[in-house]
PDB file of N, CA and C in Angstrom:
ATOM      1  N   MET A   1       8.139  -8.769  10.651  1.00  0.00           N
ATOM      2  CA  MET A   1       7.414  -7.781  11.415  1.00  0.00           C
ATOM      3  C   MET A   1       6.242  -8.482  12.092  1.00  0.00           C
ATOM      4  N   ASN A   2       6.073  -8.180  13.353  1.00  0.00           N
ATOM      5  CA  ASN A   2       4.964  -8.735  14.116  1.00  0.00           C
ATOM      6  C   ASN A   2       3.706  -7.919  13.826  1.00  0.00           C
ATOM      7  N   PRO A   3       2.686  -8.517  13.218  1.00  0.00           N
ATOM      8  CA  PRO A   3       1.475  -7.756  12.874  1.00  0.00           C
ATOM      9  C   PRO A   3       0.775  -7.143  14.089  1.00  0.00           C
ATOM     10  N   ASP A   4       0.947  -7.764  15.253  1.00  0.00           N
ATOM     11  CA  ASP A   4       0.308  -7.230  16.462  1.00  0.00           C
ATOM     12  C   ASP A   4       0.980  -5.957  16.950  1.00  0.00           C
ATOM     13  N   GLN A   5       2.208  -5.724  16.528  1.00  0.00           N
ATOM     14  CA  GLN A   5       2.944  -4.538  16.960  1.00  0.00           C
ATOM     15  C   GLN A   5       3.159  -3.548  15.828  1.00  0.00           C
ATOM     16  N   ALA A   6       2.525  -3.780  14.692  1.00  0.00           N
ATOM     17  CA  ALA A   6       2.710  -2.891  13.541  1.00  0.00           C
ATOM     18  C   ALA A   6       1.867  -1.630  13.715  1.00  0.00           C
ATOM     19  N   ILE A   7       2.438  -0.510  13.306  1.00  0.00           N
ATOM     20  CA  ILE A   7       1.732   0.772  13.365  1.00  0.00           C
ATOM     21  C   ILE A   7       1.864   1.479  12.013  1.00  0.00           C
ATOM     22  N   VAL A   8       0.939   2.371  11.754  1.00  0.00           N
ATOM     23  CA  VAL A   8       1.023   3.193  10.548  1.00  0.00           C
ATOM     24  C   VAL A   8       1.952   4.358  10.872  1.00  0.00           C
ATOM     25  N   LEU A   9       3.072   4.397  10.197  1.00  0.00           N
ATOM     26  CA  LEU A   9       4.055   5.453  10.427  1.00  0.00           C
ATOM     27  C   LEU A   9       3.581   6.760   9.803  1.00  0.00           C
ATOM     28  N   THR A  10       3.121   6.676   8.566  1.00  0.00           N
ATOM     29  CA  THR A  10       2.632   7.850   7.849  1.00  0.00           C
ATOM     30  C   THR A  10       1.803   7.390   6.655  1.00  0.00           C
ATOM     31  N   THR A  11       1.114   8.324   6.024  1.00  0.00           N
ATOM     32  CA  THR A  11       0.344   8.007   4.824  1.00  0.00           C
ATOM     33  C   THR A  11       0.788   8.915   3.683  1.00  0.00           C
ATOM     34  N   TYR A  12       0.611   8.408   2.481  1.00  0.00           N
ATOM     35  CA  TYR A  12       0.987   9.132   1.270  1.00  0.00           C
ATOM     36  C   TYR A  12      -0.192   9.131   0.312  1.00  0.00           C
ATOM     37  N   SER A  13      -0.218  10.091  -0.581  1.00  0.00           N
ATOM     38  CA  SER A  13      -1.258  10.116  -1.608  1.00  0.00           C
ATOM     39  C   SER A  13      -0.778   9.468  -2.899  1.00  0.00           C
ATOM     40  N   LEU A  14       0.516   9.287  -3.035  1.00  0.00           N
ATOM     41  CA  LEU A  14       1.082   8.654  -4.232  1.00  0.00           C
ATOM     42  C   LEU A  14       1.804   7.362  -3.857  1.00  0.00           C
ATOM     43  N   LEU A  15       1.539   6.311  -4.604  1.00  0.00           N
ATOM     44  CA  LEU A  15       2.190   5.028  -4.359  1.00  0.00           C
ATOM     45  C   LEU A  15       3.696   5.153  -4.521  1.00  0.00           C
ATOM     46  N   SER A  16       4.140   5.918  -5.499  1.00  0.00           N
ATOM     47  CA  SER A  16       5.578   6.065  -5.732  1.00  0.00           C
ATOM     48  C   SER A  16       6.282   6.701  -4.532  1.00  0.00           C
ATOM     49  N   SER A  17       5.628   7.645  -3.870  1.00  0.00           N
ATOM     50  CA  SER A  17       6.217   8.277  -2.679  1.00  0.00           C
ATOM     51  C   SER A  17       6.318   7.282  -1.535  1.00  0.00           C
ATOM     52  N   ALA A  18       5.271   6.488  -1.354  1.00  0.00           N
ATOM     53  CA  ALA A  18       5.270   5.482  -0.291  1.00  0.00           C
ATOM     54  C   ALA A  18       6.340   4.427  -0.551  1.00  0.00           C
ATOM     55  N   GLU A  19       6.465   3.992  -1.795  1.00  0.00           N
ATOM     56  CA  GLU A  19       7.466   2.988  -2.136  1.00  0.00           C
ATOM     57  C   GLU A  19       8.882   3.527  -1.998  1.00  0.00           C
ATOM     58  N   SER A  20       9.076   4.792  -2.310  1.00  0.00           N
ATOM     59  CA  SER A  20      10.388   5.414  -2.157  1.00  0.00           C
ATOM     60  C   SER A  20      10.778   5.475  -0.677  1.00  0.00           C
ATOM     61  N   ALA A  21       9.831   5.872   0.175  1.00  0.00           N
ATOM     62  CA  ALA A  21      10.094   5.921   1.612  1.00  0.00           C
ATOM     63  C   ALA A  21      10.361   4.523   2.153  1.00  0.00           C
ATOM     64  N   ALA A  22       9.602   3.536   1.687  1.00  0.00           N
ATOM     65  CA  ALA A  22       9.805   2.159   2.127  1.00  0.00           C
ATOM     66  C   ALA A  22      11.186   1.655   1.713  1.00  0.00           C
ATOM     67  N   ALA A  23      11.616   1.993   0.517  1.00  0.00           N
ATOM     68  CA  ALA A  23      12.937   1.584   0.044  1.00  0.00           C
ATOM     69  C   ALA A  23      14.035   2.197   0.910  1.00  0.00           C
ATOM     70  N   CYS A  24      13.846   3.438   1.288  1.00  0.00           N
ATOM     71  CA  CYS A  24      14.827   4.119   2.135  1.00  0.00           C
ATOM     72  C   CYS A  24      14.907   3.453   3.512  1.00  0.00           C
ATOM     73  N   LEU A  25      13.747   3.146   4.081  1.00  0.00           N
ATOM     74  CA  LEU A  25      13.741   2.488   5.390  1.00  0.00           C
ATOM     75  C   LEU A  25      14.378   1.100   5.302  1.00  0.00           C
ATOM     76  N   THR A  26      14.030   0.361   4.270  1.00  0.00           N
ATOM     77  CA  THR A  26      14.583  -0.982   4.092  1.00  0.00           C
ATOM     78  C   THR A  26      16.104  -0.929   3.936  1.00  0.00           C
ATOM     79  N   ALA A  27      16.590   0.054   3.201  1.00  0.00           N
ATOM     80  CA  ALA A  27      18.032   0.215   3.015  1.00  0.00           C
ATOM     81  C   ALA A  27      18.743   0.523   4.328  1.00  0.00           C
ATOM     82  N   ASN A  28      17.986   1.071   5.276  1.00  0.00           N
ATOM     83  CA  ASN A  28      18.553   1.382   6.586  1.00  0.00           C
ATOM     84  C   ASN A  28      18.217   0.321   7.628  1.00  0.00           C
ATOM     85  N   GLY A  29      17.780  -0.846   7.183  1.00  0.00           N
ATOM     86  CA  GLY A  29      17.563  -1.973   8.084  1.00  0.00           C
ATOM     87  C   GLY A  29      16.237  -1.994   8.809  1.00  0.00           C
ATOM     88  N   ILE A  30      15.269  -1.202   8.357  1.00  0.00           N
ATOM     89  CA  ILE A  30      13.963  -1.180   9.004  1.00  0.00           C
ATOM     90  C   ILE A  30      12.958  -1.918   8.133  1.00  0.00           C
ATOM     91  N   GLU A  31      12.370  -2.955   8.709  1.00  0.00           N
ATOM     92  CA  GLU A  31      11.368  -3.725   7.992  1.00  0.00           C
ATOM     93  C   GLU A  31      10.074  -2.921   7.942  1.00  0.00           C
ATOM     94  N   CYS A  32       9.489  -2.802   6.766  1.00  0.00           N
ATOM     95  CA  CYS A  32       8.264  -2.040   6.608  1.00  0.00           C
ATOM     96  C   CYS A  32       7.464  -2.609   5.450  1.00  0.00           C
ATOM     97  N   LEU A  33       6.243  -2.145   5.328  1.00  0.00           N
ATOM     98  CA  LEU A  33       5.444  -2.520   4.178  1.00  0.00           C
ATOM     99  C   LEU A  33       4.496  -1.394   3.822  1.00  0.00           C
ATOM    100  N   VAL A  34       4.085  -1.399   2.561  1.00  0.00           N
ATOM    101  CA  VAL A  34       3.165  -0.398   2.028  1.00  0.00           C
ATOM    102  C   VAL A  34       1.811  -1.062   1.893  1.00  0.00           C
ATOM    103  N   GLN A  35       0.783  -0.426   2.444  1.00  0.00           N
ATOM    104  CA  GLN A  35      -0.582  -0.951   2.374  1.00  0.00           C
ATOM    105  C   GLN A  35      -1.479   0.067   1.702  1.00  0.00           C
ATOM    106  N   ALA A  36      -2.352  -0.422   0.830  1.00  0.00           N
ATOM    107  CA  ALA A  36      -3.346   0.436   0.186  1.00  0.00           C
ATOM    108  C   ALA A  36      -4.584  -0.392  -0.095  1.00  0.00           C
ATOM    109  N   ASP A  37      -5.742   0.165   0.177  1.00  0.00           N
ATOM    110  CA  ASP A  37      -7.001  -0.497  -0.139  1.00  0.00           C
ATOM    111  C   ASP A  37      -7.409  -0.093  -1.547  1.00  0.00           C
ATOM    112  N   ASP A  38      -6.761  -0.723  -2.533  1.00  0.00           N
ATOM    113  CA  ASP A  38      -7.005  -0.340  -3.924  1.00  0.00           C
ATOM    114  C   ASP A  38      -7.265  -1.536  -4.828  1.00  0.00           C
ATOM    115  N   CYS A  39      -7.728  -2.622  -4.237  1.00  0.00           N
ATOM    116  CA  CYS A  39      -8.028  -3.841  -5.004  1.00  0.00           C
ATOM    117  C   CYS A  39      -6.830  -4.295  -5.832  1.00  0.00           C
ATOM    118  N   GLY A  40      -5.682  -4.331  -5.210  1.00  0.00           N
ATOM    119  CA  GLY A  40      -4.483  -4.783  -5.902  1.00  0.00           C
ATOM    120  C   GLY A  40      -4.039  -3.872  -7.021  1.00  0.00           C
ATOM    121  N   GLY A  41      -4.357  -2.588  -6.921  1.00  0.00           N
ATOM    122  CA  GLY A  41      -3.967  -1.620  -7.934  1.00  0.00           C
ATOM    123  C   GLY A  41      -5.013  -1.413  -9.011  1.00  0.00           C
ATOM    124  N   MET A  42      -6.068  -2.207  -8.982  1.00  0.00           N
ATOM    125  CA  MET A  42      -7.111  -2.101 -10.010  1.00  0.00           C
ATOM    126  C   MET A  42      -7.981  -0.852  -9.831  1.00  0.00           C
ATOM    127  N   LEU A  43      -8.148  -0.420  -8.579  1.00  0.00           N
ATOM    128  CA  LEU A  43      -8.995   0.738  -8.299  1.00  0.00           C
ATOM    129  C   LEU A  43      -8.212   1.753  -7.470  1.00  0.00           C
ATOM    130  N   ALA A  44      -7.216   2.343  -8.070  1.00  0.00           N
ATOM    131  CA  ALA A  44      -6.330   3.271  -7.360  1.00  0.00           C
ATOM    132  C   ALA A  44      -7.061   4.406  -6.646  1.00  0.00           C
ATOM    133  N   PRO A  45      -8.163   4.952  -7.182  1.00  0.00           N
ATOM    134  CA  PRO A  45      -8.839   6.027  -6.449  1.00  0.00           C
ATOM    135  C   PRO A  45      -9.338   5.619  -5.067  1.00  0.00           C
ATOM    136  N   LEU A  46      -9.546   4.328  -4.823  1.00  0.00           N
ATOM    137  CA  LEU A  46      -9.967   3.895  -3.496  1.00  0.00           C
ATOM    138  C   LEU A  46      -8.887   4.181  -2.455  1.00  0.00           C
ATOM    139  N   ALA A  47      -7.646   4.100  -2.839  1.00  0.00           N
ATOM    140  CA  ALA A  47      -6.536   4.337  -1.910  1.00  0.00           C
ATOM    141  C   ALA A  47      -6.480   5.804  -1.479  1.00  0.00           C
ATOM    142  N   LEU A  48      -7.021   6.691  -2.286  1.00  0.00           N
ATOM    143  CA  LEU A  48      -6.966   8.113  -1.955  1.00  0.00           C
ATOM    144  C   LEU A  48      -7.836   8.458  -0.757  1.00  0.00           C
ATOM    145  N   ASP A  49      -8.877   7.671  -0.513  1.00  0.00           N
ATOM    146  CA  ASP A  49      -9.764   7.952   0.616  1.00  0.00           C
ATOM    147  C   ASP A  49      -9.028   7.864   1.950  1.00  0.00           C
ATOM    148  N   GLU A  50      -8.247   6.812   2.136  1.00  0.00           N
ATOM    149  CA  GLU A  50      -7.527   6.609   3.391  1.00  0.00           C
ATOM    150  C   GLU A  50      -6.040   6.851   3.243  1.00  0.00           C
ATOM    151  N   GLY A  51      -5.578   7.013   2.052  1.00  0.00           N
ATOM    152  CA  GLY A  51      -4.159   7.192   1.808  1.00  0.00           C
ATOM    153  C   GLY A  51      -3.450   5.860   1.703  1.00  0.00           C
ATOM    154  N   ILE A  52      -2.242   5.904   1.263  1.00  0.00           N
ATOM    155  CA  ILE A  52      -1.387   4.728   1.140  1.00  0.00           C
ATOM    156  C   ILE A  52      -0.517   4.713   2.384  1.00  0.00           C
ATOM    157  N   ARG A  53      -0.646   3.646   3.159  1.00  0.00           N
ATOM    158  CA  ARG A  53      -0.029   3.586   4.483  1.00  0.00           C
ATOM    159  C   ARG A  53       1.355   2.945   4.444  1.00  0.00           C
ATOM    160  N   LEU A  54       2.272   3.549   5.181  1.00  0.00           N
ATOM    161  CA  LEU A  54       3.604   2.985   5.393  1.00  0.00           C
ATOM    162  C   LEU A  54       3.622   2.448   6.818  1.00  0.00           C
ATOM    163  N   VAL A  55       3.780   1.129   6.947  1.00  0.00           N
ATOM    164  CA  VAL A  55       3.644   0.444   8.230  1.00  0.00           C
ATOM    165  C   VAL A  55       5.004  -0.075   8.686  1.00  0.00           C
ATOM    166  N   VAL A  56       5.295   0.139   9.977  1.00  0.00           N
ATOM    167  CA  VAL A  56       6.534  -0.361  10.582  1.00  0.00           C
ATOM    168  C   VAL A  56       6.213  -0.995  11.928  1.00  0.00           C
ATOM    169  N   ASP A  57       7.161  -1.720  12.472  1.00  0.00           N
ATOM    170  CA  ASP A  57       7.028  -2.284  13.807  1.00  0.00           C
ATOM    171  C   ASP A  57       7.120  -1.138  14.816  1.00  0.00           C
ATOM    172  N   ALA A  58       6.287  -1.178  15.836  1.00  0.00           N
ATOM    173  CA  ALA A  58       6.256  -0.103  16.840  1.00  0.00           C
ATOM    174  C   ALA A  58       7.619   0.114  17.483  1.00  0.00           C
ATOM    175  N   ASP A  59       8.408  -0.946  17.615  1.00  0.00           N
ATOM    176  CA  ASP A  59       9.738  -0.831  18.234  1.00  0.00           C
ATOM    177  C   ASP A  59      10.702  -0.005  17.388  1.00  0.00           C
ATOM    178  N   GLN A  60      10.426   0.116  16.098  1.00  0.00           N
ATOM    179  CA  GLN A  60      11.320   0.847  15.204  1.00  0.00           C
ATOM    180  C   GLN A  60      10.745   2.192  14.770  1.00  0.00           C
ATOM    181  N   GLU A  61       9.661   2.610  15.389  1.00  0.00           N
ATOM    182  CA  GLU A  61       8.990   3.852  14.984  1.00  0.00           C
ATOM    183  C   GLU A  61       9.906   5.069  15.066  1.00  0.00           C
ATOM    184  N   ALA A  62      10.557   5.272  16.190  1.00  0.00           N
ATOM    185  CA  ALA A  62      11.397   6.467  16.370  1.00  0.00           C
ATOM    186  C   ALA A  62      12.522   6.514  15.348  1.00  0.00           C
ATOM    187  N   GLN A  63      13.183   5.391  15.142  1.00  0.00           N
ATOM    188  CA  GLN A  63      14.286   5.339  14.176  1.00  0.00           C
ATOM    189  C   GLN A  63      13.763   5.597  12.761  1.00  0.00           C
ATOM    190  N   ALA A  64      12.612   5.021  12.423  1.00  0.00           N
ATOM    191  CA  ALA A  64      12.028   5.210  11.090  1.00  0.00           C
ATOM    192  C   ALA A  64      11.660   6.675  10.864  1.00  0.00           C
ATOM    193  N   ARG A  65      11.072   7.312  11.866  1.00  0.00           N
ATOM    194  CA  ARG A  65      10.711   8.731  11.734  1.00  0.00           C
ATOM    195  C   ARG A  65      11.949   9.600  11.538  1.00  0.00           C
ATOM    196  N   GLU A  66      13.003   9.276  12.258  1.00  0.00           N
ATOM    197  CA  GLU A  66      14.253  10.038  12.131  1.00  0.00           C
ATOM    198  C   GLU A  66      14.831   9.898  10.724  1.00  0.00           C
ATOM    199  N   ILE A  67      14.835   8.692  10.201  1.00  0.00           N
ATOM    200  CA  ILE A  67      15.364   8.455   8.851  1.00  0.00           C
ATOM    201  C   ILE A  67      14.544   9.218   7.817  1.00  0.00           C
ATOM    202  N   LEU A  68      13.228   9.126   7.904  1.00  0.00           N
ATOM    203  CA  LEU A  68      12.381   9.805   6.934  1.00  0.00           C
ATOM    204  C   LEU A  68      12.487  11.322   7.058  1.00  0.00           C
ATOM    205  N   ALA A  69      12.654  11.824   8.271  1.00  0.00           N
ATOM    206  CA  ALA A  69      12.807  13.266   8.464  1.00  0.00           C
ATOM    207  C   ALA A  69      14.073  13.760   7.778  1.00  0.00           C
ATOM    208  N   ASP A  70      15.159  12.975   7.857  1.00  0.00           N
ATOM    209  CA  ASP A  70      16.405  13.346   7.214  1.00  0.00           C
ATOM    210  C   ASP A  70      16.273  13.317   5.701  1.00  0.00           C
ATOM    211  N   VAL A  71      15.552  12.327   5.183  1.00  0.00           N
ATOM    212  CA  VAL A  71      15.406  12.165   3.734  1.00  0.00           C
ATOM    213  C   VAL A  71      14.463  13.200   3.155  1.00  0.00           C
ATOM    214  N   GLU A  72      13.379  13.505   3.859  1.00  0.00           N
ATOM    215  CA  GLU A  72      12.363  14.391   3.327  1.00  0.00           C
ATOM    216  C   GLU A  72      12.604  15.868   3.630  1.00  0.00           C
ATOM    217  N   ALA A  73      13.650  16.165   4.391  1.00  0.00           N
ATOM    218  CA  ALA A  73      13.970  17.556   4.707  1.00  0.00           C
ATOM    219  C   ALA A  73      14.426  18.266   3.431  1.00  0.00           C
ATOM    220  N   PRO A  74      14.028  19.536   3.281  1.00  0.00           N
ATOM    221  CA  PRO A  74      14.475  20.266   2.096  1.00  0.00           C
ATOM    222  C   PRO A  74      15.992  20.469   2.098  1.00  0.00           C
ATOM    223  N   ALA A  75      16.558  20.429   0.928  1.00  0.00           N
ATOM    224  CA  ALA A  75      18.002  20.629   0.789  1.00  0.00           C
ATOM    225  C   ALA A  75      18.336  22.095   1.062  1.00  0.00           C
ATOM    226  N   PRO A  76      19.473  22.347   1.687  1.00  0.00           N
ATOM    227  CA  PRO A  76      19.880  23.735   1.945  1.00  0.00           C
ATOM    228  C   PRO A  76      20.084  24.493   0.615  1.00  0.00           C
ATOM    229  N   ALA A  77      19.743  25.762   0.634  1.00  0.00           N
ATOM    230  CA  ALA A  77      19.872  26.577  -0.586  1.00  0.00           C
ATOM    231  C   ALA A  77      21.271  27.028  -0.823  1.00  0.00           C
TER     232      ALA A  77
END
Protein backbone atom coordinates (compact mmCIF):
# COMPACT_ATOMS: atom_id res chain seq x y z
CA MET A 1 0.00 0.00 0.00
CA ASN A 2 1.29 3.42 -0.92
CA PRO A 3 1.22 5.55 2.26
CA ASP A 4 0.71 8.70 0.18
CA GLN A 5 -2.53 7.30 -1.22
CA ALA A 6 -3.84 5.66 1.95
CA ILE A 7 -7.16 6.83 3.36
CA VAL A 8 -9.15 6.03 6.47
CA LEU A 9 -12.03 3.88 5.26
CA THR A 10 -13.85 3.78 8.59
CA THR A 11 -13.27 3.78 12.34
CA TYR A 12 -14.25 1.29 15.01
CA SER A 13 -14.50 1.46 18.78
CA LEU A 14 -13.42 -2.16 19.24
CA LEU A 15 -10.14 -3.61 18.01
CA SER A 16 -11.81 -6.96 17.35
CA SER A 17 -14.32 -5.32 14.98
CA ALA A 18 -11.57 -3.52 13.09
CA GLU A 19 -9.51 -6.70 12.82
CA SER A 20 -12.52 -8.68 11.62
CA ALA A 21 -13.22 -6.11 8.89
CA ALA A 22 -9.53 -6.09 7.92
CA ALA A 23 -9.54 -9.89 7.67
CA CYS A 24 -12.57 -9.76 5.40
CA LEU A 25 -10.98 -7.18 3.13
CA THR A 26 -7.70 -9.10 3.01
CA ALA A 27 -9.57 -12.30 2.11
CA ASN A 28 -11.08 -10.39 -0.80
CA GLY A 29 -7.70 -9.18 -2.07
CA ILE A 30 -7.72 -5.68 -0.58
CA GLU A 31 -4.59 -4.61 1.23
CA CYS A 32 -5.43 -2.77 4.44
CA LEU A 33 -4.15 -2.08 7.90
CA VAL A 34 -5.54 -1.29 11.33
CA GLN A 35 -4.18 1.79 13.10
CA ALA A 36 -4.75 2.84 16.70
CA ASP A 37 -2.99 5.39 18.88
CA ASP A 38 -2.87 3.13 21.92
CA CYS A 39 0.84 2.80 22.69
CA GLY A 40 1.01 -0.66 21.19
CA GLY A 41 -2.03 -1.85 23.12
CA MET A 42 -0.70 -0.69 26.48
CA LEU A 43 -3.16 2.22 26.75
CA ALA A 44 -6.29 1.04 24.96
CA PRO A 45 -8.46 3.94 26.21
CA LEU A 46 -6.35 6.31 24.10
CA ALA A 47 -7.67 4.63 20.95
CA LEU A 48 -11.24 5.46 21.96
CA ASP A 49 -10.63 9.19 21.49
CA GLU A 50 -10.03 8.91 17.74
CA GLY A 51 -11.24 5.39 17.17
CA ILE A 52 -9.43 2.47 15.64
CA ARG A 53 -8.86 3.26 11.98
CA LEU A 54 -9.17 0.86 9.05
CA VAL A 55 -6.91 2.19 6.28
CA VAL A 56 -6.95 1.22 2.59
CA ASP A 57 -5.42 2.51 -0.62
CA ALA A 58 -7.58 5.24 -2.17
CA ASP A 59 -7.76 3.24 -5.42
CA GLN A 60 -9.53 0.41 -3.60
CA GLU A 61 -11.91 2.53 -1.51
CA ALA A 62 -15.10 1.83 -3.49
CA GLN A 63 -14.50 -1.92 -3.63
CA ALA A 64 -13.64 -2.02 0.10
CA ARG A 65 -16.81 -0.11 1.02
CA GLU A 66 -18.91 -2.47 -1.08
CA ILE A 67 -17.39 -5.54 0.59
CA LEU A 68 -17.89 -4.16 4.09
CA ALA A 69 -21.46 -3.10 3.29
CA ASP A 70 -22.26 -6.67 2.23
CA VAL A 71 -20.64 -8.14 5.35
CA GLU A 72 -22.08 -5.68 7.85
CA ALA A 73 -25.62 -5.68 6.44
CA PRO A 74 -28.18 -7.27 8.74
CA ALA A 75 -29.24 -10.78 7.82
CA PRO A 76 -32.76 -11.13 6.42
CA ALA A 77 -35.34 -12.25 8.98
